Amino acid sequence: MIKGVARYSQRKDADIIILTRDGFAHGFFVIAALDEPTEKDKKEYPRGRRVYVVKESALFEKAVPVGAFGITGYQFGKYLSEEKFKEITTAAGGVQKAGPKHR
């Protein structure tokens, strides 16, 4: 299996990572596993402290302002309930599934 990866500077556990920029959610990664960074990972992203193995990625049909869901400021690693995640995906008008980048 070819893995997609997301490198991250924190070490928090995650099942899903919501992709946001400038206060808007644009999509998400579904995480299959967590790995320690390899030498290649450290070279390509020196700040990376954990590698998230991406099983699935998706883009929202439209960007969603996360402030409407009480998510404001710097929220790296914020826990969201399944209910809150469903609210965000519903507000986005659906998702377009995409493949992970290759490792």
N, C-alpha and C. Protein backbone atom coordinates (compact mmCIF):
# COMPACT_ATOMS: atom_id res chain seq x y z
N MET A 1 0.84 -1.18 0.00
CA MET A 1 0.00 0.00 0.00
C MET A 1 0.88 1.24 0.00
N ILE A 2 0.62 2.15 -0.88
CA ILE A 2 1.34 3.43 -0.89
C ILE A 2 0.66 4.34 0.11
N LYS A 3 1.45 4.91 0.99
CA LYS A 3 0.90 5.76 2.04
C LYS A 3 0.98 7.22 1.67
N GLY A 4 -0.03 7.98 2.04
CA GLY A 4 0.03 9.43 2.01
C GLY A 4 0.42 9.85 3.42
N VAL A 5 1.09 10.97 3.55
CA VAL A 5 1.53 11.40 4.88
C VAL A 5 1.26 12.89 5.09
N ALA A 6 1.11 13.24 6.34
CA ALA A 6 1.07 14.63 6.77
C ALA A 6 2.04 14.74 7.93
N ARG A 7 3.02 15.62 7.82
CA ARG A 7 3.98 15.81 8.91
C ARG A 7 3.50 16.96 9.77
N TYR A 8 3.73 16.84 11.08
CA TYR A 8 3.17 17.83 11.99
C TYR A 8 4.14 18.09 13.12
N SER A 9 4.19 19.32 13.60
CA SER A 9 5.15 19.69 14.64
C SER A 9 4.67 19.35 16.05
N GLN A 10 3.42 18.94 16.20
CA GLN A 10 2.92 18.49 17.50
C GLN A 10 2.82 16.97 17.49
N ARG A 11 2.57 16.40 18.67
CA ARG A 11 2.50 14.94 18.77
C ARG A 11 1.10 14.47 19.21
N LYS A 12 0.08 15.20 18.87
CA LYS A 12 -1.27 14.86 19.31
C LYS A 12 -1.85 13.72 18.49
N ASP A 13 -2.64 12.88 19.15
CA ASP A 13 -3.35 11.82 18.45
C ASP A 13 -4.46 12.45 17.61
N ALA A 14 -4.77 11.81 16.48
CA ALA A 14 -5.84 12.33 15.62
C ALA A 14 -6.42 11.21 14.78
N ASP A 15 -7.72 11.25 14.60
CA ASP A 15 -8.40 10.36 13.66
C ASP A 15 -8.68 11.11 12.37
N ILE A 16 -8.95 12.40 12.51
CA ILE A 16 -9.23 13.28 11.37
C ILE A 16 -8.53 14.60 11.62
N ILE A 17 -7.94 15.16 10.57
CA ILE A 17 -7.34 16.50 10.65
C ILE A 17 -8.11 17.39 9.69
N ILE A 18 -8.73 18.44 10.22
CA ILE A 18 -9.44 19.39 9.38
C ILE A 18 -8.45 20.42 8.86
N LEU A 19 -8.50 20.69 7.57
CA LEU A 19 -7.56 21.60 6.92
C LEU A 19 -8.17 23.00 6.87
N THR A 20 -7.54 23.94 7.58
CA THR A 20 -8.06 25.30 7.64
C THR A 20 -6.99 26.30 7.23
N ARG A 21 -7.46 27.45 6.78
CA ARG A 21 -6.57 28.57 6.48
C ARG A 21 -7.40 29.85 6.55
N ASP A 22 -6.84 30.84 7.22
CA ASP A 22 -7.48 32.16 7.33
C ASP A 22 -8.92 32.07 7.83
N GLY A 23 -9.16 31.16 8.77
CA GLY A 23 -10.48 31.08 9.39
C GLY A 23 -11.50 30.24 8.65
N PHE A 24 -11.09 29.56 7.59
CA PHE A 24 -12.01 28.73 6.82
C PHE A 24 -11.52 27.30 6.74
N ALA A 25 -12.45 26.35 6.89
CA ALA A 25 -12.14 24.93 6.70
C ALA A 25 -12.32 24.61 5.22
N HIS A 26 -11.33 23.92 4.66
CA HIS A 26 -11.35 23.61 3.22
C HIS A 26 -11.46 22.12 2.93
N GLY A 27 -11.23 21.28 3.93
CA GLY A 27 -11.28 19.84 3.73
C GLY A 27 -10.71 19.13 4.94
N PHE A 28 -10.37 17.85 4.76
CA PHE A 28 -9.84 17.08 5.89
C PHE A 28 -9.06 15.87 5.41
N PHE A 29 -8.22 15.34 6.32
CA PHE A 29 -7.52 14.08 6.15
C PHE A 29 -8.12 13.08 7.13
N VAL A 30 -8.32 11.83 6.70
CA VAL A 30 -8.66 10.73 7.59
C VAL A 30 -7.35 10.01 7.87
N ILE A 31 -7.02 9.86 9.15
CA ILE A 31 -5.73 9.31 9.55
C ILE A 31 -5.84 7.81 9.80
N ALA A 32 -4.93 7.04 9.19
CA ALA A 32 -4.91 5.59 9.35
C ALA A 32 -3.99 5.16 10.49
N ALA A 33 -2.88 5.90 10.67
CA ALA A 33 -1.89 5.51 11.69
C ALA A 33 -0.99 6.69 11.99
N LEU A 34 -0.25 6.56 13.07
CA LEU A 34 0.73 7.57 13.47
C LEU A 34 2.11 6.93 13.44
N ASP A 35 3.09 7.62 12.89
CA ASP A 35 4.46 7.12 12.81
C ASP A 35 5.42 8.14 13.40
N GLU A 36 6.58 7.65 13.76
CA GLU A 36 7.68 8.53 14.13
C GLU A 36 8.34 8.99 12.83
N PRO A 37 8.87 10.20 12.79
CA PRO A 37 9.51 10.68 11.56
C PRO A 37 10.75 9.86 11.20
N THR A 38 10.90 9.56 9.91
CA THR A 38 12.10 8.90 9.42
C THR A 38 13.17 9.97 9.18
N GLU A 39 14.36 9.55 8.81
CA GLU A 39 15.42 10.52 8.48
C GLU A 39 14.98 11.38 7.29
N LYS A 40 14.30 10.77 6.31
CA LYS A 40 13.80 11.53 5.16
C LYS A 40 12.79 12.58 5.61
N ASP A 41 11.87 12.19 6.51
CA ASP A 41 10.89 13.14 7.03
C ASP A 41 11.58 14.30 7.72
N LYS A 42 12.58 13.99 8.54
CA LYS A 42 13.30 15.02 9.29
C LYS A 42 14.03 15.97 8.35
N LYS A 43 14.55 15.43 7.26
CA LYS A 43 15.25 16.27 6.29
C LYS A 43 14.26 17.19 5.56
N GLU A 44 13.10 16.63 5.16
CA GLU A 44 12.13 17.41 4.39
C GLU A 44 11.33 18.38 5.26
N TYR A 45 11.14 18.03 6.53
CA TYR A 45 10.38 18.91 7.45
C TYR A 45 11.00 18.78 8.84
N PRO A 46 12.09 19.53 9.09
CA PRO A 46 12.84 19.40 10.34
C PRO A 46 12.01 19.61 11.61
N ARG A 47 10.95 20.42 11.55
CA ARG A 47 10.13 20.67 12.74
C ARG A 47 9.18 19.51 13.05
N GLY A 48 9.03 18.59 12.10
CA GLY A 48 8.08 17.49 12.27
C GLY A 48 8.43 16.57 13.44
N ARG A 49 7.46 16.38 14.31
CA ARG A 49 7.66 15.49 15.47
C ARG A 49 6.81 14.23 15.37
N ARG A 50 5.90 14.21 14.39
CA ARG A 50 5.04 13.05 14.18
C ARG A 50 4.61 13.04 12.72
N VAL A 51 4.42 11.83 12.20
CA VAL A 51 3.94 11.66 10.83
C VAL A 51 2.58 10.98 10.91
N TYR A 52 1.61 11.59 10.27
CA TYR A 52 0.26 11.05 10.22
C TYR A 52 0.09 10.34 8.87
N VAL A 53 -0.24 9.07 8.89
CA VAL A 53 -0.45 8.31 7.67
C VAL A 53 -1.88 8.57 7.22
N VAL A 54 -2.02 9.17 6.05
CA VAL A 54 -3.33 9.59 5.54
C VAL A 54 -3.96 8.46 4.73
N LYS A 55 -5.14 8.03 5.19
CA LYS A 55 -5.89 6.98 4.50
C LYS A 55 -6.77 7.58 3.40
N GLU A 56 -7.28 8.77 3.66
CA GLU A 56 -8.22 9.41 2.74
C GLU A 56 -8.12 10.92 2.91
N SER A 57 -8.30 11.64 1.82
CA SER A 57 -8.35 13.09 1.92
C SER A 57 -9.58 13.58 1.16
N ALA A 58 -10.09 14.72 1.57
CA ALA A 58 -11.31 15.25 0.95
C ALA A 58 -11.29 16.76 0.99
N LEU A 59 -11.90 17.36 -0.03
CA LEU A 59 -12.09 18.81 -0.09
C LEU A 59 -13.57 19.10 0.06
N PHE A 60 -13.88 20.16 0.79
CA PHE A 60 -15.27 20.57 0.92
C PHE A 60 -15.74 21.22 -0.37
N GLU A 61 -17.02 21.09 -0.68
CA GLU A 61 -17.60 21.74 -1.86
C GLU A 61 -17.45 23.26 -1.76
N LYS A 62 -17.59 23.80 -0.54
CA LYS A 62 -17.34 25.23 -0.32
C LYS A 62 -16.64 25.39 1.02
N ALA A 63 -15.80 26.41 1.11
CA ALA A 63 -15.09 26.69 2.36
C ALA A 63 -16.09 27.11 3.44
N VAL A 64 -15.81 26.70 4.67
CA VAL A 64 -16.71 26.95 5.78
C VAL A 64 -16.01 27.82 6.82
N PRO A 65 -16.60 28.94 7.25
CA PRO A 65 -15.98 29.75 8.30
C PRO A 65 -16.07 29.01 9.64
N VAL A 66 -14.91 28.65 10.19
CA VAL A 66 -14.92 27.86 11.42
C VAL A 66 -15.36 28.67 12.64
N GLY A 67 -15.29 29.99 12.57
CA GLY A 67 -15.77 30.83 13.66
C GLY A 67 -17.25 30.61 13.94
N ALA A 68 -18.00 30.22 12.91
CA ALA A 68 -19.43 29.95 13.08
C ALA A 68 -19.68 28.73 13.97
N PHE A 69 -18.62 27.95 14.22
CA PHE A 69 -18.73 26.76 15.06
C PHE A 69 -17.96 26.91 16.37
N GLY A 70 -17.64 28.17 16.71
CA GLY A 70 -16.95 28.43 17.97
C GLY A 70 -15.46 28.17 17.94
N ILE A 71 -14.89 28.02 16.76
CA ILE A 71 -13.45 27.77 16.62
C ILE A 71 -12.82 29.08 16.19
N THR A 72 -12.08 29.70 17.10
CA THR A 72 -11.46 30.99 16.80
C THR A 72 -10.01 30.99 17.26
N GLY A 73 -9.24 31.89 16.71
CA GLY A 73 -7.84 32.03 17.12
C GLY A 73 -7.00 30.85 16.67
N TYR A 74 -5.92 30.65 17.37
CA TYR A 74 -4.94 29.63 17.06
C TYR A 74 -5.40 28.31 17.65
N GLN A 75 -5.87 27.38 16.85
CA GLN A 75 -6.52 26.17 17.36
C GLN A 75 -5.83 24.87 16.94
N PHE A 76 -4.51 24.86 16.80
CA PHE A 76 -3.83 23.63 16.41
C PHE A 76 -4.11 22.53 17.42
N GLY A 77 -4.57 21.40 16.91
CA GLY A 77 -4.78 20.25 17.78
C GLY A 77 -6.04 20.31 18.61
N LYS A 78 -6.98 21.17 18.26
CA LYS A 78 -8.22 21.28 19.02
C LYS A 78 -9.08 20.04 18.80
N TYR A 79 -9.62 19.49 19.89
CA TYR A 79 -10.52 18.35 19.80
C TYR A 79 -11.89 18.81 19.32
N LEU A 80 -12.48 18.07 18.39
CA LEU A 80 -13.84 18.32 17.93
C LEU A 80 -14.64 17.03 18.07
N SER A 81 -15.88 17.16 18.51
CA SER A 81 -16.75 15.99 18.61
C SER A 81 -17.18 15.56 17.21
N GLU A 82 -17.66 14.32 17.11
CA GLU A 82 -18.18 13.84 15.83
C GLU A 82 -19.35 14.71 15.37
N GLU A 83 -20.16 15.14 16.32
CA GLU A 83 -21.31 15.99 16.01
C GLU A 83 -20.86 17.31 15.38
N LYS A 84 -19.85 17.94 15.96
CA LYS A 84 -19.33 19.21 15.44
C LYS A 84 -18.73 19.00 14.04
N PHE A 85 -18.03 17.89 13.85
CA PHE A 85 -17.45 17.58 12.54
C PHE A 85 -18.58 17.42 11.51
N LYS A 86 -19.65 16.72 11.86
CA LYS A 86 -20.78 16.55 10.95
C LYS A 86 -21.43 17.89 10.62
N GLU A 87 -21.51 18.78 11.60
CA GLU A 87 -22.06 20.12 11.36
C GLU A 87 -21.22 20.87 10.32
N ILE A 88 -19.92 20.77 10.45
CA ILE A 88 -19.01 21.46 9.53
C ILE A 88 -19.14 20.87 8.12
N THR A 89 -19.14 19.54 8.01
CA THR A 89 -19.24 18.93 6.68
C THR A 89 -20.60 19.21 6.04
N THR A 90 -21.65 19.28 6.84
CA THR A 90 -22.98 19.61 6.30
C THR A 90 -22.98 21.04 5.78
N ALA A 91 -22.41 21.97 6.55
CA ALA A 91 -22.35 23.38 6.13
C ALA A 91 -21.51 23.55 4.87
N ALA A 92 -20.57 22.63 4.64
CA ALA A 92 -19.70 22.70 3.46
C ALA A 92 -20.41 22.25 2.19
N GLY A 93 -21.59 21.70 2.32
CA GLY A 93 -22.34 21.29 1.12
C GLY A 93 -21.84 20.02 0.48
N GLY A 94 -21.12 19.21 1.22
CA GLY A 94 -20.60 17.95 0.69
C GLY A 94 -19.11 17.96 0.56
N VAL A 95 -18.57 16.81 0.16
CA VAL A 95 -17.10 16.67 0.03
C VAL A 95 -16.76 16.00 -1.29
N GLN A 96 -15.56 16.33 -1.77
CA GLN A 96 -14.98 15.68 -2.94
C GLN A 96 -13.80 14.86 -2.44
N LYS A 97 -13.85 13.56 -2.61
CA LYS A 97 -12.74 12.73 -2.14
C LYS A 97 -11.57 12.85 -3.10
N ALA A 98 -10.39 12.80 -2.52
CA ALA A 98 -9.15 12.89 -3.30
C ALA A 98 -8.18 11.85 -2.76
N GLY A 99 -7.18 11.51 -3.53
CA GLY A 99 -6.19 10.54 -3.09
C GLY A 99 -5.12 11.19 -2.26
N PRO A 100 -4.46 10.43 -1.38
CA PRO A 100 -3.35 10.98 -0.59
C PRO A 100 -2.11 11.19 -1.44
N LYS A 101 -1.24 12.09 -0.98
CA LYS A 101 0.03 12.25 -1.68
C LYS A 101 0.89 11.02 -1.37
N HIS A 102 1.80 10.70 -2.24
CA HIS A 102 2.59 9.48 -2.08
C HIS A 102 3.85 9.73 -1.29
N ARG A 103 4.20 8.78 -0.50
CA ARG A 103 5.40 8.85 0.33
C ARG A 103 6.59 8.36 -0.43
